[in-house]
């Protein structure tokens, strides 16, 4: 069984989401220091008399959860087999500590990785998928590794296309995109691009 581990909020795992279509029901699974809790909110039309019923709750000790095929089936149906296997690992003493770190710390870790490792990390779970594709991470990667200076026009282009897209764009293509973006801005302001384009051809 899992050893007792201190977490400030008392929760080791807290996952929630909507049940598979066509159901509109909302589900949650939590792992505390000594129990696994599965809750199910029935989403019903407000005109029904039972529309405000409290959630259905199943609660197991760690030992009971290992053998609770019914709860396993519900968790797998709603959240998928990978989530079920993760929960089994947690109750067997293998909690995932790294996912409990703050996003800022996780981003610092990501920035220490090679590019191919960032891609692999982004395939491990939803948290790292979102972090590894976030614009904030790729802006820092761009500033660290790109030789192209970060100008105001480049920042404007990044706001439209994203820093990851710009990072993997070669220098010539990048200059063309900046020119195009500048022309579009100036046309919208009834301005001219001649003076602002000069720096790109020097």
N, C-alpha and C. Protein backbone atom coordinates (compact mmCIF):
# COMPACT_ATOMS: atom_id res chain seq x y z
N UNK A 1 0.83 -1.20 0.00
CA UNK A 1 0.00 0.00 0.00
C UNK A 1 0.87 1.26 0.00
N UNK A 2 0.27 2.39 -0.40
CA UNK A 2 1.03 3.63 -0.45
C UNK A 2 1.35 4.11 0.95
N UNK A 3 2.54 4.66 1.09
CA UNK A 3 2.91 5.24 2.37
C UNK A 3 2.23 6.59 2.53
N UNK A 4 2.10 7.04 3.77
CA UNK A 4 1.47 8.34 4.01
C UNK A 4 2.38 9.45 3.51
N UNK A 5 1.83 10.33 2.69
CA UNK A 5 2.59 11.42 2.13
C UNK A 5 1.87 12.71 2.45
N UNK A 6 2.62 13.75 2.83
CA UNK A 6 2.00 15.02 3.19
C UNK A 6 1.77 15.88 1.96
N UNK A 7 0.51 16.27 1.76
CA UNK A 7 0.16 17.25 0.75
C UNK A 7 -0.65 18.34 1.44
N UNK A 8 -0.29 19.61 1.20
CA UNK A 8 -0.94 20.70 1.93
C UNK A 8 -2.45 20.71 1.84
N UNK A 9 -3.03 20.36 0.68
CA UNK A 9 -4.48 20.40 0.53
C UNK A 9 -5.13 19.07 0.86
N UNK A 10 -4.35 18.07 1.26
CA UNK A 10 -4.91 16.78 1.63
C UNK A 10 -5.23 15.88 0.45
N UNK A 11 -5.09 16.38 -0.76
CA UNK A 11 -5.41 15.61 -1.96
C UNK A 11 -4.14 15.22 -2.70
N UNK A 12 -4.08 13.97 -3.10
CA UNK A 12 -2.98 13.50 -3.93
C UNK A 12 -3.36 13.60 -5.39
N UNK A 13 -4.64 13.32 -5.70
CA UNK A 13 -5.16 13.40 -7.06
C UNK A 13 -6.53 14.04 -7.02
N UNK A 14 -6.81 14.90 -7.99
CA UNK A 14 -8.14 15.50 -8.12
C UNK A 14 -8.41 15.69 -9.61
N UNK A 15 -9.24 14.83 -10.18
CA UNK A 15 -9.52 14.84 -11.62
C UNK A 15 -11.03 14.97 -11.81
N UNK A 16 -11.44 15.82 -12.75
CA UNK A 16 -12.87 15.98 -13.01
C UNK A 16 -13.10 16.18 -14.50
N UNK A 17 -14.32 15.89 -14.93
CA UNK A 17 -14.64 16.07 -16.34
C UNK A 17 -16.05 15.59 -16.63
N UNK A 18 -16.48 15.84 -17.87
CA UNK A 18 -17.82 15.44 -18.30
C UNK A 18 -17.80 13.99 -18.77
N UNK A 19 -18.87 13.28 -18.48
CA UNK A 19 -19.00 11.90 -18.92
C UNK A 19 -19.08 11.85 -20.45
N UNK A 20 -18.76 10.71 -21.05
CA UNK A 20 -18.79 10.60 -22.51
C UNK A 20 -20.16 10.93 -23.09
N UNK A 21 -20.15 11.52 -24.28
CA UNK A 21 -21.38 11.85 -25.00
C UNK A 21 -22.19 10.58 -25.25
N UNK A 22 -23.51 10.67 -25.22
CA UNK A 22 -24.35 11.88 -25.17
C UNK A 22 -24.66 12.37 -23.75
N UNK A 23 -24.10 11.74 -22.74
CA UNK A 23 -24.37 12.16 -21.36
C UNK A 23 -23.82 13.55 -21.09
N UNK A 24 -24.52 14.30 -20.26
CA UNK A 24 -24.07 15.62 -19.82
C UNK A 24 -23.59 15.59 -18.37
N UNK A 25 -23.58 14.40 -17.78
CA UNK A 25 -23.23 14.27 -16.37
C UNK A 25 -21.78 14.68 -16.12
N UNK A 26 -21.51 15.10 -14.89
CA UNK A 26 -20.19 15.56 -14.48
C UNK A 26 -19.64 14.59 -13.45
N UNK A 27 -18.36 14.22 -13.61
CA UNK A 27 -17.75 13.23 -12.73
C UNK A 27 -16.45 13.76 -12.13
N UNK A 28 -16.10 13.19 -10.97
CA UNK A 28 -14.87 13.58 -10.28
C UNK A 28 -14.29 12.37 -9.57
N UNK A 29 -12.99 12.25 -9.61
CA UNK A 29 -12.31 11.22 -8.83
C UNK A 29 -11.20 11.89 -8.03
N UNK A 30 -11.15 11.58 -6.74
CA UNK A 30 -10.13 12.15 -5.85
C UNK A 30 -9.42 11.01 -5.11
N UNK A 31 -8.13 11.23 -4.86
CA UNK A 31 -7.38 10.33 -4.00
C UNK A 31 -6.86 11.16 -2.83
N UNK A 32 -7.27 10.77 -1.63
CA UNK A 32 -6.81 11.44 -0.42
C UNK A 32 -5.70 10.60 0.21
N UNK A 33 -5.36 10.93 1.46
CA UNK A 33 -4.31 10.18 2.14
C UNK A 33 -4.68 8.72 2.39
N UNK A 34 -5.97 8.41 2.42
CA UNK A 34 -6.36 7.04 2.76
C UNK A 34 -7.57 6.52 1.99
N UNK A 35 -8.03 7.25 0.96
CA UNK A 35 -9.23 6.80 0.26
C UNK A 35 -9.23 7.25 -1.20
N UNK A 36 -10.02 6.51 -1.99
CA UNK A 36 -10.30 6.89 -3.37
C UNK A 36 -11.79 7.20 -3.45
N UNK A 37 -12.14 8.38 -3.94
CA UNK A 37 -13.53 8.83 -3.96
C UNK A 37 -13.95 9.13 -5.40
N UNK A 38 -15.08 8.53 -5.80
CA UNK A 38 -15.63 8.79 -7.14
C UNK A 38 -17.00 9.41 -6.98
N UNK A 39 -17.21 10.59 -7.58
CA UNK A 39 -18.50 11.29 -7.47
C UNK A 39 -19.10 11.46 -8.86
N UNK A 40 -20.43 11.42 -8.88
CA UNK A 40 -21.16 11.51 -10.15
C UNK A 40 -22.35 12.45 -9.97
N UNK A 41 -22.33 13.57 -10.71
CA UNK A 41 -23.45 14.52 -10.69
C UNK A 41 -24.34 14.26 -11.90
N UNK A 42 -25.59 13.94 -11.66
CA UNK A 42 -26.53 13.76 -12.75
C UNK A 42 -27.01 15.13 -13.22
N UNK A 43 -26.78 15.43 -14.49
CA UNK A 43 -27.23 16.70 -15.07
C UNK A 43 -28.58 16.48 -15.73
N UNK A 44 -29.63 17.04 -15.11
CA UNK A 44 -31.00 16.81 -15.56
C UNK A 44 -31.69 18.14 -15.87
N UNK A 45 -32.73 18.13 -16.68
CA UNK A 45 -33.47 19.36 -16.96
C UNK A 45 -34.00 19.96 -15.66
N UNK A 46 -33.95 21.28 -15.51
CA UNK A 46 -34.39 21.94 -14.26
C UNK A 46 -35.87 21.74 -13.96
N UNK A 47 -36.64 21.32 -14.96
CA UNK A 47 -38.08 21.13 -14.74
C UNK A 47 -38.37 19.82 -14.00
N UNK A 48 -37.38 18.93 -13.95
CA UNK A 48 -37.59 17.65 -13.26
C UNK A 48 -37.49 17.82 -11.75
N UNK A 49 -38.29 17.05 -11.02
CA UNK A 49 -38.30 17.16 -9.57
C UNK A 49 -36.98 16.73 -8.94
N UNK A 50 -36.26 15.83 -9.61
CA UNK A 50 -35.01 15.31 -9.05
C UNK A 50 -33.78 15.99 -9.64
N UNK A 51 -33.95 17.21 -10.18
CA UNK A 51 -32.83 17.89 -10.85
C UNK A 51 -31.78 18.41 -9.88
N UNK A 52 -32.12 18.52 -8.59
CA UNK A 52 -31.18 19.06 -7.61
C UNK A 52 -30.68 18.01 -6.62
N UNK A 53 -30.70 16.77 -7.02
CA UNK A 53 -30.24 15.71 -6.12
C UNK A 53 -28.73 15.82 -5.93
N UNK A 54 -28.22 15.46 -4.75
CA UNK A 54 -26.77 15.51 -4.52
C UNK A 54 -26.05 14.46 -5.36
N UNK A 55 -24.74 14.59 -5.50
CA UNK A 55 -24.00 13.63 -6.33
C UNK A 55 -23.98 12.24 -5.71
N UNK A 56 -23.90 11.24 -6.57
CA UNK A 56 -23.67 9.87 -6.12
C UNK A 56 -22.19 9.74 -5.77
N UNK A 57 -21.89 9.11 -4.65
CA UNK A 57 -20.49 9.01 -4.21
C UNK A 57 -20.13 7.57 -3.85
N UNK A 58 -19.00 7.12 -4.38
CA UNK A 58 -18.42 5.84 -4.00
C UNK A 58 -17.08 6.12 -3.34
N UNK A 59 -16.83 5.46 -2.22
CA UNK A 59 -15.59 5.72 -1.49
C UNK A 59 -14.96 4.39 -1.08
N UNK A 60 -13.69 4.20 -1.46
CA UNK A 60 -12.94 2.99 -1.14
C UNK A 60 -11.69 3.32 -0.34
N UNK A 61 -11.30 2.41 0.52
CA UNK A 61 -9.94 2.47 1.05
C UNK A 61 -9.00 2.07 -0.09
N UNK A 62 -7.71 2.31 0.08
CA UNK A 62 -6.76 1.91 -0.95
C UNK A 62 -6.87 0.42 -1.26
N UNK A 63 -6.97 -0.40 -0.22
CA UNK A 63 -7.02 -1.85 -0.42
C UNK A 63 -8.29 -2.26 -1.15
N UNK A 64 -9.42 -1.65 -0.77
CA UNK A 64 -10.68 -1.98 -1.43
C UNK A 64 -10.66 -1.54 -2.89
N UNK A 65 -10.04 -0.39 -3.17
CA UNK A 65 -10.01 0.12 -4.53
C UNK A 65 -9.32 -0.85 -5.49
N UNK A 66 -8.27 -1.49 -5.04
CA UNK A 66 -7.51 -2.41 -5.90
C UNK A 66 -8.42 -3.50 -6.46
N UNK A 67 -9.44 -3.90 -5.67
CA UNK A 67 -10.31 -5.01 -6.08
C UNK A 67 -11.71 -4.55 -6.49
N UNK A 68 -11.93 -3.26 -6.57
CA UNK A 68 -13.27 -2.74 -6.88
C UNK A 68 -13.45 -2.61 -8.39
N UNK A 69 -13.88 -3.69 -9.03
CA UNK A 69 -14.03 -3.69 -10.48
C UNK A 69 -15.09 -2.70 -10.95
N UNK A 70 -16.12 -2.48 -10.13
CA UNK A 70 -17.17 -1.55 -10.52
C UNK A 70 -16.63 -0.13 -10.64
N UNK A 71 -15.87 0.30 -9.62
CA UNK A 71 -15.29 1.64 -9.70
C UNK A 71 -14.27 1.73 -10.82
N UNK A 72 -13.49 0.68 -11.01
CA UNK A 72 -12.53 0.67 -12.12
C UNK A 72 -13.24 0.90 -13.44
N UNK A 73 -14.37 0.20 -13.63
CA UNK A 73 -15.12 0.29 -14.88
C UNK A 73 -15.63 1.71 -15.12
N UNK A 74 -16.16 2.35 -14.06
CA UNK A 74 -16.69 3.70 -14.20
C UNK A 74 -15.58 4.70 -14.50
N UNK A 75 -14.47 4.60 -13.79
CA UNK A 75 -13.35 5.52 -14.01
C UNK A 75 -12.80 5.36 -15.42
N UNK A 76 -12.64 4.12 -15.88
CA UNK A 76 -12.12 3.89 -17.22
C UNK A 76 -13.09 4.40 -18.28
N UNK A 77 -14.38 4.23 -18.06
CA UNK A 77 -15.38 4.69 -19.03
C UNK A 77 -15.38 6.21 -19.16
N UNK A 78 -15.24 6.89 -18.02
CA UNK A 78 -15.31 8.36 -18.04
C UNK A 78 -13.97 8.99 -18.37
N UNK A 79 -12.89 8.53 -17.74
CA UNK A 79 -11.60 9.20 -17.85
C UNK A 79 -10.57 8.45 -18.70
N UNK A 80 -10.86 7.19 -19.04
CA UNK A 80 -9.95 6.44 -19.89
C UNK A 80 -9.03 5.50 -19.11
N UNK A 81 -8.51 4.50 -19.84
CA UNK A 81 -7.65 3.49 -19.23
C UNK A 81 -6.36 4.07 -18.63
N UNK A 82 -5.69 5.05 -19.30
CA UNK A 82 -4.47 5.61 -18.71
C UNK A 82 -4.70 6.22 -17.32
N UNK A 83 -5.84 6.89 -17.14
CA UNK A 83 -6.15 7.48 -15.83
C UNK A 83 -6.34 6.40 -14.78
N UNK A 84 -7.02 5.32 -15.15
CA UNK A 84 -7.22 4.22 -14.21
C UNK A 84 -5.88 3.62 -13.80
N UNK A 85 -4.99 3.40 -14.76
CA UNK A 85 -3.68 2.83 -14.43
C UNK A 85 -2.86 3.77 -13.55
N UNK A 86 -3.00 5.08 -13.79
CA UNK A 86 -2.31 6.07 -12.96
C UNK A 86 -2.81 6.00 -11.52
N UNK A 87 -4.14 5.89 -11.34
CA UNK A 87 -4.70 5.83 -9.99
C UNK A 87 -4.26 4.56 -9.27
N UNK A 88 -4.19 3.46 -10.00
CA UNK A 88 -3.70 2.21 -9.40
C UNK A 88 -2.26 2.39 -8.92
N UNK A 89 -1.45 3.08 -9.72
CA UNK A 89 -0.06 3.31 -9.33
C UNK A 89 0.02 4.17 -8.07
N UNK A 90 -0.84 5.17 -7.98
CA UNK A 90 -0.84 6.05 -6.81
C UNK A 90 -1.15 5.28 -5.53
N UNK A 91 -2.21 4.46 -5.57
CA UNK A 91 -2.60 3.75 -4.35
C UNK A 91 -1.60 2.65 -4.00
N UNK A 92 -0.77 2.27 -4.94
CA UNK A 92 0.28 1.29 -4.68
C UNK A 92 1.61 1.93 -4.28
N UNK A 93 1.56 3.24 -4.01
CA UNK A 93 2.75 3.90 -3.47
C UNK A 93 3.61 4.62 -4.47
N UNK A 94 3.04 4.97 -5.62
CA UNK A 94 3.83 5.65 -6.65
C UNK A 94 3.12 6.93 -7.12
N UNK A 95 2.89 7.89 -6.21
CA UNK A 95 2.27 9.15 -6.63
C UNK A 95 3.19 9.94 -7.55
N UNK A 96 2.60 10.72 -8.42
CA UNK A 96 3.35 11.51 -9.39
C UNK A 96 3.62 12.89 -8.79
N UNK A 97 4.76 13.04 -8.12
CA UNK A 97 5.06 14.29 -7.43
C UNK A 97 5.31 15.45 -8.39
N UNK A 98 5.87 15.17 -9.55
CA UNK A 98 6.28 16.27 -10.43
C UNK A 98 5.09 17.08 -10.92
N UNK A 99 3.94 16.44 -11.12
CA UNK A 99 2.78 17.18 -11.60
C UNK A 99 2.20 18.12 -10.54
N UNK A 100 2.66 18.01 -9.29
CA UNK A 100 2.19 18.89 -8.24
C UNK A 100 3.05 20.13 -8.08
N UNK A 101 4.12 20.22 -8.86
CA UNK A 101 4.93 21.43 -8.84
C UNK A 101 4.18 22.56 -9.53
N UNK A 102 4.52 23.80 -9.20
CA UNK A 102 3.85 24.95 -9.80
C UNK A 102 4.20 25.04 -11.28
N UNK A 103 3.31 25.63 -12.11
CA UNK A 103 3.59 25.78 -13.53
C UNK A 103 4.90 26.53 -13.81
N UNK A 104 5.23 27.53 -12.99
CA UNK A 104 6.48 28.28 -13.21
C UNK A 104 7.71 27.38 -13.05
N UNK A 105 7.69 26.52 -12.04
CA UNK A 105 8.82 25.61 -11.83
C UNK A 105 8.89 24.59 -12.97
N UNK A 106 7.73 24.07 -13.40
CA UNK A 106 7.71 23.10 -14.49
C UNK A 106 8.24 23.73 -15.78
N UNK A 107 7.90 25.00 -16.02
CA UNK A 107 8.41 25.68 -17.22
C UNK A 107 9.92 25.84 -17.17
N UNK A 108 10.46 26.10 -16.00
CA UNK A 108 11.93 26.20 -15.86
C UNK A 108 12.59 24.86 -16.17
N UNK A 109 11.95 23.78 -15.73
CA UNK A 109 12.48 22.45 -16.03
C UNK A 109 12.44 22.19 -17.54
N UNK A 110 11.33 22.54 -18.16
CA UNK A 110 11.17 22.32 -19.60
C UNK A 110 12.24 23.07 -20.39
N UNK A 111 12.58 24.27 -19.97
CA UNK A 111 13.56 25.09 -20.68
C UNK A 111 14.98 24.51 -20.59
N UNK A 112 15.19 23.57 -19.68
CA UNK A 112 16.49 22.92 -19.56
C UNK A 112 16.63 21.72 -20.50
N UNK A 113 15.54 21.32 -21.14
CA UNK A 113 15.53 20.13 -21.97
C UNK A 113 15.94 20.43 -23.41
N UNK A 114 16.40 19.39 -24.11
CA UNK A 114 16.63 19.50 -25.55
C UNK A 114 15.27 19.57 -26.25
N UNK A 115 15.26 20.13 -27.46
CA UNK A 115 13.99 20.32 -28.17
C UNK A 115 13.24 19.01 -28.39
N UNK A 116 13.98 17.95 -28.77
CA UNK A 116 13.29 16.68 -29.01
C UNK A 116 12.72 16.11 -27.71
N UNK A 117 13.36 16.42 -26.58
CA UNK A 117 12.84 15.94 -25.29
C UNK A 117 11.59 16.72 -24.88
N UNK A 118 11.52 17.99 -25.25
CA UNK A 118 10.31 18.77 -24.98
C UNK A 118 9.14 18.18 -25.74
N UNK A 119 9.39 17.78 -26.98
CA UNK A 119 8.35 17.15 -27.79
C UNK A 119 7.87 15.85 -27.14
N UNK A 120 8.81 15.04 -26.66
CA UNK A 120 8.45 13.77 -26.02
C UNK A 120 7.69 14.01 -24.71
N UNK A 121 8.13 14.99 -23.93
CA UNK A 121 7.46 15.29 -22.66
C UNK A 121 6.02 15.72 -22.90
N UNK A 122 5.80 16.47 -23.98
CA UNK A 122 4.45 16.93 -24.30
C UNK A 122 3.49 15.82 -24.66
N UNK A 123 3.99 14.62 -24.87
CA UNK A 123 3.15 13.48 -25.22
C UNK A 123 2.79 12.62 -24.02
N UNK A 124 3.27 13.00 -22.83
CA UNK A 124 3.07 12.13 -21.66
C UNK A 124 1.70 12.30 -21.01
N UNK A 125 1.22 13.52 -20.87
CA UNK A 125 -0.10 13.74 -20.27
C UNK A 125 -0.61 15.13 -20.64
N UNK A 126 -1.85 15.42 -20.23
CA UNK A 126 -2.48 16.69 -20.60
C UNK A 126 -1.74 17.89 -20.05
N UNK A 127 -1.28 17.80 -18.78
CA UNK A 127 -0.57 18.92 -18.16
C UNK A 127 0.66 19.30 -18.97
N UNK A 128 1.51 18.32 -19.29
CA UNK A 128 2.73 18.64 -20.02
C UNK A 128 2.46 18.97 -21.49
N UNK A 129 1.38 18.43 -22.05
CA UNK A 129 1.02 18.80 -23.42
C UNK A 129 0.71 20.29 -23.50
N UNK A 130 -0.04 20.80 -22.51
CA UNK A 130 -0.39 22.22 -22.50
C UNK A 130 0.83 23.10 -22.22
N UNK A 131 1.68 22.66 -21.28
CA UNK A 131 2.87 23.45 -20.94
C UNK A 131 3.87 23.47 -22.10
N UNK A 132 4.08 22.31 -22.72
CA UNK A 132 5.11 22.21 -23.77
C UNK A 132 4.71 22.92 -25.06
N UNK A 133 3.44 23.22 -25.23
CA UNK A 133 3.03 23.96 -26.41
C UNK A 133 2.65 25.41 -26.08
N UNK A 134 2.81 25.81 -24.81
CA UNK A 134 2.40 27.15 -24.40
C UNK A 134 3.27 28.22 -25.04
N UNK A 135 2.67 29.34 -25.35
CA UNK A 135 3.38 30.43 -26.01
C UNK A 135 4.47 31.00 -25.11
N UNK A 136 4.24 31.02 -23.80
CA UNK A 136 5.25 31.54 -22.89
C UNK A 136 6.53 30.73 -22.91
N UNK A 137 6.41 29.40 -22.97
CA UNK A 137 7.59 28.54 -23.05
C UNK A 137 8.34 28.77 -24.35
N UNK A 138 7.60 28.84 -25.46
CA UNK A 138 8.26 28.97 -26.76
C UNK A 138 8.83 30.37 -26.98
N UNK A 139 8.29 31.37 -26.32
CA UNK A 139 8.93 32.69 -26.38
C UNK A 139 10.30 32.65 -25.72
N UNK A 140 10.38 31.97 -24.57
CA UNK A 140 11.67 31.86 -23.89
C UNK A 140 12.66 31.03 -24.72
N UNK A 141 12.18 29.97 -25.35
CA UNK A 141 13.04 29.15 -26.21
C UNK A 141 13.55 29.99 -27.37
N UNK A 142 12.67 30.79 -27.95
CA UNK A 142 13.07 31.65 -29.07
C UNK A 142 14.16 32.62 -28.63
N UNK A 143 13.95 33.25 -27.49
CA UNK A 143 14.93 34.23 -27.01
C UNK A 143 16.27 33.57 -26.66
N UNK A 144 16.22 32.31 -26.23
CA UNK A 144 17.45 31.62 -25.85
C UNK A 144 18.26 31.15 -27.06
N UNK A 145 17.58 30.70 -28.11
CA UNK A 145 18.28 29.98 -29.17
C UNK A 145 18.25 30.66 -30.54
N UNK A 146 17.35 31.59 -30.76
CA UNK A 146 17.26 32.20 -32.09
C UNK A 146 18.23 33.37 -32.22
N UNK A 147 18.84 33.49 -33.40
CA UNK A 147 19.76 34.59 -33.67
C UNK A 147 19.02 35.84 -34.13
N UNK A 148 17.78 35.70 -34.52
CA UNK A 148 16.99 36.85 -34.98
C UNK A 148 16.58 37.70 -33.78
N UNK A 149 16.90 39.01 -33.79
CA UNK A 149 16.56 39.86 -32.64
C UNK A 149 15.05 39.99 -32.46
N UNK A 150 14.63 40.14 -31.22
CA UNK A 150 13.21 40.28 -30.91
C UNK A 150 12.85 41.76 -30.97
N UNK A 151 12.25 42.15 -32.07
CA UNK A 151 11.82 43.53 -32.27
C UNK A 151 10.32 43.65 -31.99
N UNK A 152 9.84 44.87 -32.00
CA UNK A 152 8.41 45.09 -31.79
C UNK A 152 7.60 44.43 -32.89
N UNK A 153 8.10 44.51 -34.12
CA UNK A 153 7.38 43.90 -35.24
C UNK A 153 7.35 42.37 -35.11
N UNK A 154 8.44 41.81 -34.62
CA UNK A 154 8.48 40.36 -34.41
C UNK A 154 7.49 39.95 -33.32
N UNK A 155 7.39 40.75 -32.26
CA UNK A 155 6.44 40.46 -31.19
C UNK A 155 5.00 40.52 -31.70
N UNK A 156 4.73 41.49 -32.58
CA UNK A 156 3.40 41.59 -33.17
C UNK A 156 3.08 40.35 -34.01
N UNK A 157 4.07 39.89 -34.76
CA UNK A 157 3.88 38.70 -35.58
C UNK A 157 3.68 37.46 -34.70
N UNK A 158 4.43 37.39 -33.59
CA UNK A 158 4.28 36.26 -32.66
C UNK A 158 2.89 36.23 -32.04
N UNK A 159 2.32 37.41 -31.82
CA UNK A 159 0.97 37.48 -31.25
C UNK A 159 -0.05 36.87 -32.20
N UNK A 160 0.24 36.92 -33.50
CA UNK A 160 -0.67 36.36 -34.50
C UNK A 160 -0.41 34.88 -34.76
N UNK A 161 0.87 34.50 -34.85
CA UNK A 161 1.21 33.15 -35.30
C UNK A 161 1.74 32.25 -34.19
N UNK A 162 2.17 32.82 -33.08
CA UNK A 162 2.72 32.01 -32.00
C UNK A 162 4.23 31.90 -32.08
N UNK A 163 4.90 31.86 -30.92
CA UNK A 163 6.36 31.82 -30.87
C UNK A 163 6.92 30.50 -31.39
N UNK A 164 6.22 29.42 -31.20
CA UNK A 164 6.71 28.13 -31.69
C UNK A 164 6.79 28.13 -33.20
N UNK A 165 5.76 28.66 -33.85
CA UNK A 165 5.75 28.74 -35.30
C UNK A 165 6.92 29.58 -35.81
N UNK A 166 7.19 30.70 -35.14
CA UNK A 166 8.29 31.56 -35.57
C UNK A 166 9.65 30.90 -35.33
N UNK A 167 9.75 30.14 -34.25
CA UNK A 167 11.03 29.48 -33.94
C UNK A 167 11.45 28.52 -35.04
N UNK A 168 10.47 27.84 -35.63
CA UNK A 168 10.78 26.86 -36.66
C UNK A 168 10.68 27.43 -38.08
N UNK A 169 10.59 28.76 -38.17
CA UNK A 169 10.58 29.43 -39.47
C UNK A 169 11.99 29.92 -39.77
N UNK A 170 12.50 29.64 -40.99
CA UNK A 170 13.86 30.10 -41.30
C UNK A 170 13.90 31.62 -41.44
N UNK A 171 15.09 32.17 -41.40
CA UNK A 171 15.26 33.63 -41.31
C UNK A 171 14.65 34.35 -42.50
N UNK A 172 14.82 33.83 -43.72
CA UNK A 172 14.28 34.50 -44.90
C UNK A 172 12.76 34.52 -44.87
N UNK A 173 12.16 33.37 -44.54
CA UNK A 173 10.70 33.31 -44.44
C UNK A 173 10.19 34.23 -43.34
N UNK A 174 10.95 34.33 -42.25
CA UNK A 174 10.54 35.17 -41.15
C UNK A 174 10.53 36.64 -41.55
N UNK A 175 11.55 37.07 -42.29
CA UNK A 175 11.58 38.46 -42.76
C UNK A 175 10.40 38.75 -43.68
N UNK A 176 10.06 37.80 -44.54
CA UNK A 176 8.92 37.99 -45.43
C UNK A 176 7.62 38.12 -44.65
N UNK A 177 7.48 37.30 -43.61
CA UNK A 177 6.26 37.36 -42.81
C UNK A 177 6.16 38.66 -42.04
N UNK A 178 7.31 39.14 -41.53
CA UNK A 178 7.31 40.42 -40.82
C UNK A 178 6.91 41.54 -41.78
N UNK A 179 7.47 41.53 -43.00
CA UNK A 179 7.10 42.54 -43.99
C UNK A 179 5.59 42.52 -44.26
N UNK A 180 5.07 41.32 -44.46
CA UNK A 180 3.65 41.18 -44.75
C UNK A 180 2.80 41.69 -43.59
N UNK A 181 3.22 41.33 -42.39
CA UNK A 181 2.48 41.75 -41.21
C UNK A 181 2.54 43.27 -41.03
N UNK A 182 3.70 43.87 -41.32
CA UNK A 182 3.86 45.32 -41.21
C UNK A 182 3.00 46.04 -42.24
N UNK A 183 2.98 45.50 -43.46
CA UNK A 183 2.15 46.12 -44.50
C UNK A 183 0.68 46.11 -44.10
N UNK A 184 0.24 44.99 -43.58
CA UNK A 184 -1.16 44.87 -43.17
C UNK A 184 -1.49 45.87 -42.08
N UNK A 185 -0.57 46.03 -41.11
CA UNK A 185 -0.80 47.00 -40.04
C UNK A 185 -0.86 48.42 -40.58
N UNK A 186 0.08 48.74 -41.45
CA UNK A 186 0.15 50.11 -41.97
C UNK A 186 -1.01 50.43 -42.89
N UNK A 187 -1.46 49.43 -43.65
CA UNK A 187 -2.62 49.66 -44.50
C UNK A 187 -3.85 49.94 -43.65
N UNK A 188 -3.93 49.24 -42.50
CA UNK A 188 -5.05 49.49 -41.61
C UNK A 188 -4.99 50.86 -40.98
N UNK A 189 -3.78 51.41 -40.85
CA UNK A 189 -3.61 52.74 -40.26
C UNK A 189 -3.44 53.82 -41.32
N UNK A 190 -3.60 53.43 -42.61
CA UNK A 190 -3.41 54.37 -43.72
C UNK A 190 -2.01 54.96 -43.71
N UNK A 191 -1.03 54.14 -43.33
CA UNK A 191 0.36 54.60 -43.29
C UNK A 191 1.15 54.04 -44.44
N UNK A 192 2.47 54.20 -44.36
CA UNK A 192 3.38 53.69 -45.38
C UNK A 192 4.38 52.77 -44.73
N UNK A 193 4.86 51.79 -45.46
CA UNK A 193 5.78 50.80 -44.90
C UNK A 193 7.23 51.09 -45.25
N UNK A 194 7.49 52.08 -46.07
CA UNK A 194 8.84 52.26 -46.61
C UNK A 194 9.87 52.49 -45.51
N UNK A 195 9.59 53.39 -44.59
CA UNK A 195 10.58 53.69 -43.55
C UNK A 195 10.82 52.53 -42.62
N UNK A 196 9.73 51.81 -42.29
CA UNK A 196 9.86 50.73 -41.32
C UNK A 196 10.47 49.48 -41.91
N UNK A 197 10.42 49.35 -43.24
CA UNK A 197 11.00 48.16 -43.89
C UNK A 197 12.50 48.29 -44.09
N UNK A 198 13.02 49.49 -43.92
CA UNK A 198 14.43 49.72 -44.25
C UNK A 198 15.33 48.84 -43.42
N UNK A 199 15.00 48.63 -42.14
CA UNK A 199 15.91 47.89 -41.25
C UNK A 199 16.05 46.45 -41.68
N UNK A 200 15.09 45.92 -42.41
CA UNK A 200 15.14 44.52 -42.81
C UNK A 200 16.07 44.30 -43.99
N UNK A 201 16.36 45.34 -44.74
CA UNK A 201 17.20 45.18 -45.93
C UNK A 201 18.60 45.68 -45.73
N UNK A 202 18.88 46.23 -44.54
CA UNK A 202 20.23 46.75 -44.29
C UNK A 202 21.23 45.62 -44.13
